[in-house]
């Protein structure tokens, strides 16, 4: 996303400060069942939270959250599975990217 919420300019991060935090509940994982029958689990891993001043229109503090989604395949139907490729083995699919068999 370029800019802040609603198209506002990005906050000035030159004076932003890291804010410590503590989780208030559970491990915050979500389990989703996909239409193909697979089940995935998603957890948002928080790296840093920065306070970047205050929003000029509301006066509320502005926070930047640096995070990464962690995705884990929990279950998948047998018909979706393929045999793993050995390193250096030629791919049968000419369009396949190397290593993604």
Protein backbone atom coordinates (compact mmCIF):
# COMPACT_ATOMS: atom_id res chain seq x y z
CA UNK A 1 0.00 0.00 0.00
CA UNK A 2 1.36 3.40 -0.90
CA UNK A 3 0.35 6.14 1.48
CA UNK A 4 -1.64 5.85 4.64
CA UNK A 5 -5.27 4.78 5.07
CA UNK A 6 -7.73 6.54 2.78
CA UNK A 7 -4.94 7.83 0.53
CA UNK A 8 -3.39 9.97 3.28
CA UNK A 9 0.35 10.57 2.97
CA UNK A 10 2.63 8.03 4.66
CA UNK A 11 3.56 9.04 8.20
CA UNK A 12 7.08 10.39 8.75
CA UNK A 13 9.05 7.39 10.03
CA UNK A 14 12.21 9.36 10.82
CA UNK A 15 11.03 9.86 14.42
CA UNK A 16 9.08 6.58 14.76
CA UNK A 17 9.76 4.56 17.87
CA UNK A 18 9.47 0.83 18.45
CA UNK A 19 6.64 0.00 20.86
CA UNK A 20 6.91 -3.15 22.99
CA UNK A 21 3.81 -5.32 23.18
CA UNK A 22 2.45 -8.47 24.74
CA UNK A 23 -0.19 -10.81 23.29
CA UNK A 24 -3.49 -10.67 25.17
CA UNK A 25 -4.86 -14.05 24.17
CA UNK A 26 -4.25 -17.35 22.35
CA UNK A 27 -1.87 -17.91 19.49
CA UNK A 28 -4.22 -16.27 16.94
CA UNK A 29 -4.12 -18.98 14.27
CA UNK A 30 -6.88 -19.28 11.69
CA UNK A 31 -7.75 -22.59 10.03
CA UNK A 32 -9.34 -22.42 6.59
CA UNK A 33 -10.86 -25.22 4.55
CA UNK A 34 -10.27 -24.56 0.85
CA UNK A 35 -12.68 -25.56 -1.92
CA UNK A 36 -10.20 -28.21 -3.13
CA UNK A 37 -10.49 -29.96 0.26
CA UNK A 38 -7.16 -28.77 1.67
CA UNK A 39 -6.92 -27.27 5.14
CA UNK A 40 -4.37 -24.53 5.79
CA UNK A 41 -3.44 -22.75 8.98
CA UNK A 42 -2.41 -19.08 8.95
CA UNK A 43 -0.73 -17.14 11.73
CA UNK A 44 0.42 -13.54 11.53
CA UNK A 45 3.97 -13.22 12.85
CA UNK A 46 4.58 -9.72 14.27
CA UNK A 47 8.14 -8.44 13.86
CA UNK A 48 7.83 -4.82 15.06
CA UNK A 49 5.24 -2.24 15.97
CA UNK A 50 6.23 1.39 15.44
CA UNK A 51 4.43 4.49 16.69
CA UNK A 52 4.80 7.12 13.98
CA UNK A 53 3.33 10.24 15.55
CA UNK A 54 -0.34 11.14 15.33
CA UNK A 55 -2.86 11.23 12.52
CA UNK A 56 -3.31 14.92 11.59
CA UNK A 57 -7.05 14.63 10.92
CA UNK A 58 -8.05 12.66 14.05
CA UNK A 59 -5.18 13.23 16.48
CA UNK A 60 -5.03 9.49 17.22
CA UNK A 61 -1.65 7.77 17.40
CA UNK A 62 -0.52 6.20 14.11
CA UNK A 63 1.02 2.72 14.26
CA UNK A 64 2.97 0.78 11.64
CA UNK A 65 2.93 -3.02 12.05
CA UNK A 66 5.69 -5.02 10.39
CA UNK A 67 4.44 -8.58 9.99
CA UNK A 68 4.59 -11.71 7.87
CA UNK A 69 1.96 -14.40 7.32
CA UNK A 70 3.07 -17.92 8.30
CA UNK A 71 1.12 -20.50 6.26
CA UNK A 72 1.10 -24.22 7.05
CA UNK A 73 -0.61 -26.99 5.08
CA UNK A 74 -2.47 -29.07 7.67
CA UNK A 75 -4.24 -31.53 5.40
CA UNK A 76 -4.78 -32.10 1.69
CA UNK A 77 -6.67 -34.70 -0.38
CA UNK A 78 -4.56 -37.54 -1.76
CA UNK A 79 -5.56 -36.71 -5.34
CA UNK A 80 -3.79 -33.33 -5.08
CA UNK A 81 -0.47 -34.89 -4.10
CA UNK A 82 2.32 -35.49 -6.61
CA UNK A 83 5.56 -37.38 -6.29
CA UNK A 84 8.41 -35.10 -5.22
CA UNK A 85 11.10 -34.37 -7.80
CA UNK A 86 14.66 -35.37 -7.07
CA UNK A 87 17.18 -32.53 -7.38
CA UNK A 88 18.55 -32.46 -10.93
CA UNK A 89 15.80 -34.70 -12.32
CA UNK A 90 14.23 -33.34 -15.54
CA UNK A 91 10.70 -31.99 -15.23
CA UNK A 92 7.94 -33.57 -17.33
CA UNK A 93 6.19 -30.20 -17.61
CA UNK A 94 8.07 -27.79 -19.90
CA UNK A 95 6.29 -24.79 -18.29
CA UNK A 96 7.21 -25.77 -14.72
CA UNK A 97 9.67 -23.56 -12.86
CA UNK A 98 12.79 -25.34 -11.64
CA UNK A 99 12.23 -26.64 -8.12
CA UNK A 100 8.44 -26.28 -8.32
CA UNK A 101 7.80 -29.57 -10.22
